[in-house]
Each structure stands twice: as C-alpha cells, then as structure tokens.
Amino acid sequence: MPLSLSKDMEKVLHILKTEPDETVEQFIEAISGDVGATVVNLYRDNISDAAVNWARLVDDIFDHDKVICWW
C-alpha cells in the first residue's frame, strides 16, 4: 500500500497578486499549518523590489500539492 501524505504534510504554494491584508495573512498561516508553505509575490514589494521569475513560478506550481491564488 503506497504511503500517502496527510493533509498537514501537503506542500502549499500561495501566490499573492497584491500585498496581503491582515485577514489574508491569517488565512495563509492557518492553511500552511506547522509544515509551512511557499509564498510568491507577483507585486514588487518594498523589501526586494525583485521581478517575478516566471519560469520558477511554473516549476513551483507543478512542485506543490496545492496552489492558492490571493487577490
């Protein structure tokens, strides 16, 4: 019988179109659980001001079990 991942062990990717407000941040924390998650910003933030690496984003989408997009 193959070993399956529990819900807590799933890899979650959060894609943020805009800067999240407090409510979205709380949802991300709750959904990510103890395992954590990957978060990708599609907007330029004040810290990194880096452009989106689209090739890496596509790889991340296929590498994660769940992908959640936030507006």
PDB file of N, CA and C in Angstrom:
ATOM      1  N   MET A   1       0.843  -1.176   0.000  1.00  0.00           N
ATOM      2  CA  MET A   1       0.000   0.000   0.000  1.00  0.00           C
ATOM      3  C   MET A   1       0.887   1.236   0.000  1.00  0.00           C
ATOM      4  N   PRO A   2       0.693   2.159  -0.967  1.00  0.00           N
ATOM      5  CA  PRO A   2       1.557   3.332  -1.040  1.00  0.00           C
ATOM      6  C   PRO A   2       1.310   4.283   0.131  1.00  0.00           C
ATOM      7  N   LEU A   3       2.385   4.924   0.540  1.00  0.00           N
ATOM      8  CA  LEU A   3       2.305   5.898   1.626  1.00  0.00           C
ATOM      9  C   LEU A   3       1.715   7.187   1.083  1.00  0.00           C
ATOM     10  N   SER A   4       0.693   7.715   1.732  1.00  0.00           N
ATOM     11  CA  SER A   4       0.085   8.962   1.269  1.00  0.00           C
ATOM     12  C   SER A   4       0.386  10.066   2.263  1.00  0.00           C
ATOM     13  N   LEU A   5       0.467  11.269   1.746  1.00  0.00           N
ATOM     14  CA  LEU A   5       0.711  12.422   2.593  1.00  0.00           C
ATOM     15  C   LEU A   5      -0.557  12.792   3.338  1.00  0.00           C
ATOM     16  N   SER A   6      -0.412  13.139   4.598  1.00  0.00           N
ATOM     17  CA  SER A   6      -1.569  13.646   5.319  1.00  0.00           C
ATOM     18  C   SER A   6      -1.802  15.082   4.901  1.00  0.00           C
ATOM     19  N   LYS A   7      -2.949  15.612   5.254  1.00  0.00           N
ATOM     20  CA  LYS A   7      -3.293  16.976   4.891  1.00  0.00           C
ATOM     21  C   LYS A   7      -2.254  17.956   5.411  1.00  0.00           C
ATOM     22  N   ASP A   8      -1.697  17.692   6.600  1.00  0.00           N
ATOM     23  CA  ASP A   8      -0.716  18.583   7.187  1.00  0.00           C
ATOM     24  C   ASP A   8       0.626  18.542   6.466  1.00  0.00           C
ATOM     25  N   MET A   9       0.877  17.498   5.694  1.00  0.00           N
ATOM     26  CA  MET A   9       2.161  17.353   5.026  1.00  0.00           C
ATOM     27  C   MET A   9       2.138  17.817   3.567  1.00  0.00           C
ATOM     28  N   GLU A  10       1.014  18.258   3.083  1.00  0.00           N
ATOM     29  CA  GLU A  10       0.930  18.703   1.699  1.00  0.00           C
ATOM     30  C   GLU A  10       1.726  19.986   1.510  1.00  0.00           C
ATOM     31  N   LYS A  11       2.382  20.088   0.365  1.00  0.00           N
ATOM     32  CA  LYS A  11       3.133  21.296   0.046  1.00  0.00           C
ATOM     33  C   LYS A  11       2.163  22.314  -0.550  1.00  0.00           C
ATOM     34  N   VAL A  12       2.105  23.483   0.077  1.00  0.00           N
ATOM     35  CA  VAL A  12       1.153  24.519  -0.341  1.00  0.00           C
ATOM     36  C   VAL A  12       1.926  25.712  -0.896  1.00  0.00           C
ATOM     37  N   LEU A  13       1.472  26.208  -2.039  1.00  0.00           N
ATOM     38  CA  LEU A  13       2.029  27.397  -2.667  1.00  0.00           C
ATOM     39  C   LEU A  13       0.975  28.491  -2.645  1.00  0.00           C
ATOM     40  N   HIS A  14       1.322  29.641  -2.068  1.00  0.00           N
ATOM     41  CA  HIS A  14       0.435  30.798  -2.057  1.00  0.00           C
ATOM     42  C   HIS A  14       0.986  31.818  -3.049  1.00  0.00           C
ATOM     43  N   ILE A  15       0.142  32.255  -3.989  1.00  0.00           N
ATOM     44  CA  ILE A  15       0.538  33.264  -4.960  1.00  0.00           C
ATOM     45  C   ILE A  15      -0.234  34.536  -4.635  1.00  0.00           C
ATOM     46  N   LEU A  16       0.509  35.609  -4.352  1.00  0.00           N
ATOM     47  CA  LEU A  16      -0.103  36.871  -3.949  1.00  0.00           C
ATOM     48  C   LEU A  16      -0.029  37.877  -5.090  1.00  0.00           C
ATOM     49  N   LYS A  17      -1.200  38.334  -5.574  1.00  0.00           N
ATOM     50  CA  LYS A  17      -1.229  39.335  -6.633  1.00  0.00           C
ATOM     51  C   LYS A  17      -0.960  40.722  -6.067  1.00  0.00           C
ATOM     52  N   THR A  18      -1.459  40.982  -4.865  1.00  0.00           N
ATOM     53  CA  THR A  18      -1.260  42.267  -4.204  1.00  0.00           C
ATOM     54  C   THR A  18      -0.800  42.011  -2.776  1.00  0.00           C
ATOM     55  N   GLU A  19      -0.355  43.055  -2.125  1.00  0.00           N
ATOM     56  CA  GLU A  19       0.095  42.921  -0.748  1.00  0.00           C
ATOM     57  C   GLU A  19      -1.069  42.456   0.123  1.00  0.00           C
ATOM     58  N   PRO A  20      -0.862  41.408   0.918  1.00  0.00           N
ATOM     59  CA  PRO A  20      -1.969  40.859   1.706  1.00  0.00           C
ATOM     60  C   PRO A  20      -2.311  41.743   2.906  1.00  0.00           C
ATOM     61  N   ASP A  21      -3.597  41.771   3.221  1.00  0.00           N
ATOM     62  CA  ASP A  21      -4.005  42.460   4.437  1.00  0.00           C
ATOM     63  C   ASP A  21      -3.914  41.470   5.602  1.00  0.00           C
ATOM     64  N   GLU A  22      -4.267  41.917   6.783  1.00  0.00           N
ATOM     65  CA  GLU A  22      -4.130  41.085   7.978  1.00  0.00           C
ATOM     66  C   GLU A  22      -4.959  39.810   7.885  1.00  0.00           C
ATOM     67  N   THR A  23      -6.150  39.899   7.317  1.00  0.00           N
ATOM     68  CA  THR A  23      -7.027  38.724   7.194  1.00  0.00           C
ATOM     69  C   THR A  23      -6.395  37.667   6.289  1.00  0.00           C
ATOM     70  N   VAL A  24      -5.877  38.093   5.151  1.00  0.00           N
ATOM     71  CA  VAL A  24      -5.229  37.147   4.229  1.00  0.00           C
ATOM     72  C   VAL A  24      -4.009  36.519   4.887  1.00  0.00           C
ATOM     73  N   GLU A  25      -3.232  37.314   5.617  1.00  0.00           N
ATOM     74  CA  GLU A  25      -2.070  36.764   6.313  1.00  0.00           C
ATOM     75  C   GLU A  25      -2.484  35.688   7.314  1.00  0.00           C
ATOM     76  N   GLN A  26      -3.595  35.912   8.013  1.00  0.00           N
ATOM     77  CA  GLN A  26      -4.083  34.917   8.971  1.00  0.00           C
ATOM     78  C   GLN A  26      -4.545  33.647   8.255  1.00  0.00           C
ATOM     79  N   PHE A  27      -5.208  33.797   7.109  1.00  0.00           N
ATOM     80  CA  PHE A  27      -5.621  32.626   6.334  1.00  0.00           C
ATOM     81  C   PHE A  27      -4.398  31.832   5.872  1.00  0.00           C
ATOM     82  N   ILE A  28      -3.386  32.524   5.389  1.00  0.00           N
ATOM     83  CA  ILE A  28      -2.181  31.847   4.921  1.00  0.00           C
ATOM     84  C   ILE A  28      -1.539  31.061   6.060  1.00  0.00           C
ATOM     85  N   GLU A  29      -1.437  31.667   7.228  1.00  0.00           N
ATOM     86  CA  GLU A  29      -0.881  30.973   8.391  1.00  0.00           C
ATOM     87  C   GLU A  29      -1.694  29.743   8.761  1.00  0.00           C
ATOM     88  N   ALA A  30      -3.025  29.895   8.775  1.00  0.00           N
ATOM     89  CA  ALA A  30      -3.898  28.782   9.158  1.00  0.00           C
ATOM     90  C   ALA A  30      -3.823  27.636   8.143  1.00  0.00           C
ATOM     91  N   ILE A  31      -3.791  27.970   6.880  1.00  0.00           N
ATOM     92  CA  ILE A  31      -3.756  26.948   5.827  1.00  0.00           C
ATOM     93  C   ILE A  31      -2.401  26.248   5.805  1.00  0.00           C
ATOM     94  N   SER A  32      -1.341  26.995   6.052  1.00  0.00           N
ATOM     95  CA  SER A  32       0.015  26.447   5.957  1.00  0.00           C
ATOM     96  C   SER A  32       0.332  25.487   7.080  1.00  0.00           C
ATOM     97  N   GLY A  33      -0.266  25.666   8.245  1.00  0.00           N
ATOM     98  CA  GLY A  33      -0.039  24.757   9.360  1.00  0.00           C
ATOM     99  C   GLY A  33       1.393  24.781   9.841  1.00  0.00           C
ATOM    100  N   ASP A  34       1.797  23.708  10.499  1.00  0.00           N
ATOM    101  CA  ASP A  34       3.141  23.616  11.065  1.00  0.00           C
ATOM    102  C   ASP A  34       4.210  23.347  10.012  1.00  0.00           C
ATOM    103  N   VAL A  35       3.807  22.803   8.889  1.00  0.00           N
ATOM    104  CA  VAL A  35       4.763  22.439   7.851  1.00  0.00           C
ATOM    105  C   VAL A  35       5.303  23.678   7.138  1.00  0.00           C
ATOM    106  N   GLY A  36       4.499  24.724   7.061  1.00  0.00           N
ATOM    107  CA  GLY A  36       4.910  25.915   6.335  1.00  0.00           C
ATOM    108  C   GLY A  36       4.463  25.856   4.893  1.00  0.00           C
ATOM    109  N   ALA A  37       4.807  26.877   4.146  1.00  0.00           N
ATOM    110  CA  ALA A  37       4.392  26.954   2.762  1.00  0.00           C
ATOM    111  C   ALA A  37       5.346  27.860   2.004  1.00  0.00           C
ATOM    112  N   THR A  38       5.203  27.851   0.704  1.00  0.00           N
ATOM    113  CA  THR A  38       5.947  28.755  -0.155  1.00  0.00           C
ATOM    114  C   THR A  38       5.016  29.900  -0.529  1.00  0.00           C
ATOM    115  N   VAL A  39       5.530  31.118  -0.474  1.00  0.00           N
ATOM    116  CA  VAL A  39       4.743  32.295  -0.843  1.00  0.00           C
ATOM    117  C   VAL A  39       5.484  33.036  -1.946  1.00  0.00           C
ATOM    118  N   VAL A  40       4.756  33.329  -3.039  1.00  0.00           N
ATOM    119  CA  VAL A  40       5.338  34.061  -4.158  1.00  0.00           C
ATOM    120  C   VAL A  40       4.540  35.347  -4.348  1.00  0.00           C
ATOM    121  N   ASN A  41       5.251  36.480  -4.383  1.00  0.00           N
ATOM    122  CA  ASN A  41       4.618  37.770  -4.635  1.00  0.00           C
ATOM    123  C   ASN A  41       4.671  38.081  -6.125  1.00  0.00           C
ATOM    124  N   LEU A  42       3.537  38.435  -6.711  1.00  0.00           N
ATOM    125  CA  LEU A  42       3.523  38.893  -8.095  1.00  0.00           C
ATOM    126  C   LEU A  42       3.664  40.407  -8.163  1.00  0.00           C
ATOM    127  N   TYR A  43       3.634  41.058  -7.026  1.00  0.00           N
ATOM    128  CA  TYR A  43       3.805  42.511  -6.955  1.00  0.00           C
ATOM    129  C   TYR A  43       5.217  42.805  -6.449  1.00  0.00           C
ATOM    130  N   ARG A  44       5.707  43.973  -6.751  1.00  0.00           N
ATOM    131  CA  ARG A  44       7.024  44.371  -6.249  1.00  0.00           C
ATOM    132  C   ARG A  44       6.855  44.929  -4.846  1.00  0.00           C
ATOM    133  N   ASP A  45       7.512  44.303  -3.890  1.00  0.00           N
ATOM    134  CA  ASP A  45       7.405  44.780  -2.525  1.00  0.00           C
ATOM    135  C   ASP A  45       8.540  45.761  -2.208  1.00  0.00           C
ATOM    136  N   ASN A  46       8.430  46.408  -1.062  1.00  0.00           N
ATOM    137  CA  ASN A  46       9.409  47.421  -0.677  1.00  0.00           C
ATOM    138  C   ASN A  46      10.737  46.828  -0.238  1.00  0.00           C
ATOM    139  N   ILE A  47      10.764  45.533   0.040  1.00  0.00           N
ATOM    140  CA  ILE A  47      11.987  44.911   0.544  1.00  0.00           C
ATOM    141  C   ILE A  47      12.891  44.447  -0.596  1.00  0.00           C
ATOM    142  N   SER A  48      12.363  43.609  -1.467  1.00  0.00           N
ATOM    143  CA  SER A  48      13.223  43.035  -2.502  1.00  0.00           C
ATOM    144  C   SER A  48      13.141  43.779  -3.828  1.00  0.00           C
ATOM    145  N   ASP A  49      11.993  44.327  -4.153  1.00  0.00           N
ATOM    146  CA  ASP A  49      11.764  45.016  -5.426  1.00  0.00           C
ATOM    147  C   ASP A  49      12.211  44.156  -6.610  1.00  0.00           C
ATOM    148  N   ALA A  50      12.082  42.840  -6.460  1.00  0.00           N
ATOM    149  CA  ALA A  50      12.520  41.910  -7.499  1.00  0.00           C
ATOM    150  C   ALA A  50      11.371  41.581  -8.447  1.00  0.00           C
ATOM    151  N   ALA A  51      11.716  41.427  -9.698  1.00  0.00           N
ATOM    152  CA  ALA A  51      10.728  40.999 -10.692  1.00  0.00           C
ATOM    153  C   ALA A  51      10.404  39.522 -10.485  1.00  0.00           C
ATOM    154  N   VAL A  52       9.241  39.114 -10.955  1.00  0.00           N
ATOM    155  CA  VAL A  52       8.808  37.719 -10.821  1.00  0.00           C
ATOM    156  C   VAL A  52       9.635  36.840 -11.750  1.00  0.00           C
ATOM    157  N   ASN A  53      10.112  35.723 -11.233  1.00  0.00           N
ATOM    158  CA  ASN A  53      10.802  34.721 -12.041  1.00  0.00           C
ATOM    159  C   ASN A  53       9.718  33.746 -12.511  1.00  0.00           C
ATOM    160  N   TRP A  54       9.194  33.991 -13.701  1.00  0.00           N
ATOM    161  CA  TRP A  54       8.038  33.241 -14.193  1.00  0.00           C
ATOM    162  C   TRP A  54       8.350  31.774 -14.409  1.00  0.00           C
ATOM    163  N   ALA A  55       9.539  31.459 -14.873  1.00  0.00           N
ATOM    164  CA  ALA A  55       9.909  30.048 -15.080  1.00  0.00           C
ATOM    165  C   ALA A  55       9.915  29.307 -13.750  1.00  0.00           C
ATOM    166  N   ARG A  56      10.460  29.948 -12.726  1.00  0.00           N
ATOM    167  CA  ARG A  56      10.469  29.313 -11.411  1.00  0.00           C
ATOM    168  C   ARG A  56       9.051  29.165 -10.866  1.00  0.00           C
ATOM    169  N   LEU A  57       8.203  30.164 -11.097  1.00  0.00           N
ATOM    170  CA  LEU A  57       6.818  30.081 -10.631  1.00  0.00           C
ATOM    171  C   LEU A  57       6.112  28.879 -11.252  1.00  0.00           C
ATOM    172  N   VAL A  58       6.302  28.658 -12.536  1.00  0.00           N
ATOM    173  CA  VAL A  58       5.686  27.497 -13.192  1.00  0.00           C
ATOM    174  C   VAL A  58       6.205  26.205 -12.562  1.00  0.00           C
ATOM    175  N   ASP A  59       7.505  26.128 -12.319  1.00  0.00           N
ATOM    176  CA  ASP A  59       8.065  24.946 -11.650  1.00  0.00           C
ATOM    177  C   ASP A  59       7.460  24.762 -10.263  1.00  0.00           C
ATOM    178  N   ASP A  60       7.321  25.870  -9.508  1.00  0.00           N
ATOM    179  CA  ASP A  60       6.731  25.799  -8.167  1.00  0.00           C
ATOM    180  C   ASP A  60       5.292  25.303  -8.216  1.00  0.00           C
ATOM    181  N   ILE A  61       4.539  25.752  -9.198  1.00  0.00           N
ATOM    182  CA  ILE A  61       3.135  25.325  -9.318  1.00  0.00           C
ATOM    183  C   ILE A  61       3.055  23.805  -9.456  1.00  0.00           C
ATOM    184  N   PHE A  62       3.913  23.239 -10.293  1.00  0.00           N
ATOM    185  CA  PHE A  62       3.881  21.788 -10.500  1.00  0.00           C
ATOM    186  C   PHE A  62       4.534  21.014  -9.361  1.00  0.00           C
ATOM    187  N   ASP A  63       5.352  21.683  -8.562  1.00  0.00           N
ATOM    188  CA  ASP A  63       6.063  21.031  -7.471  1.00  0.00           C
ATOM    189  C   ASP A  63       5.245  20.967  -6.175  1.00  0.00           C
ATOM    190  N   HIS A  64       4.154  21.709  -6.098  1.00  0.00           N
ATOM    191  CA  HIS A  64       3.341  21.763  -4.882  1.00  0.00           C
ATOM    192  C   HIS A  64       2.039  20.981  -5.051  1.00  0.00           C
ATOM    193  N   ASP A  65       1.510  20.503  -3.920  1.00  0.00           N
ATOM    194  CA  ASP A  65       0.266  19.740  -3.939  1.00  0.00           C
ATOM    195  C   ASP A  65      -0.962  20.640  -4.066  1.00  0.00           C
ATOM    196  N   LYS A  66      -0.864  21.835  -3.492  1.00  0.00           N
ATOM    197  CA  LYS A  66      -1.973  22.797  -3.533  1.00  0.00           C
ATOM    198  C   LYS A  66      -1.427  24.158  -3.916  1.00  0.00           C
ATOM    199  N   VAL A  67      -2.175  24.881  -4.762  1.00  0.00           N
ATOM    200  CA  VAL A  67      -1.821  26.230  -5.151  1.00  0.00           C
ATOM    201  C   VAL A  67      -3.019  27.111  -4.871  1.00  0.00           C
ATOM    202  N   ILE A  68      -2.789  28.193  -4.103  1.00  0.00           N
ATOM    203  CA  ILE A  68      -3.853  29.119  -3.761  1.00  0.00           C
ATOM    204  C   ILE A  68      -3.439  30.501  -4.233  1.00  0.00           C
ATOM    205  N   CYS A  69      -4.289  31.142  -5.025  1.00  0.00           N
ATOM    206  CA  CYS A  69      -4.021  32.485  -5.530  1.00  0.00           C
ATOM    207  C   CYS A  69      -4.845  33.496  -4.739  1.00  0.00           C
ATOM    208  N   TRP A  70      -4.187  34.542  -4.286  1.00  0.00           N
ATOM    209  CA  TRP A  70      -4.829  35.592  -3.498  1.00  0.00           C
ATOM    210  C   TRP A  70      -4.819  36.889  -4.264  1.00  0.00           C
ATOM    211  N   TRP A  71      -5.953  37.594  -4.240  1.00  0.00           N
ATOM    212  CA  TRP A  71      -6.016  38.894  -4.880  1.00  0.00           C
ATOM    213  C   TRP A  71      -5.857  39.887  -3.826  1.00  0.00           C
TER     214      TRP A  71
END
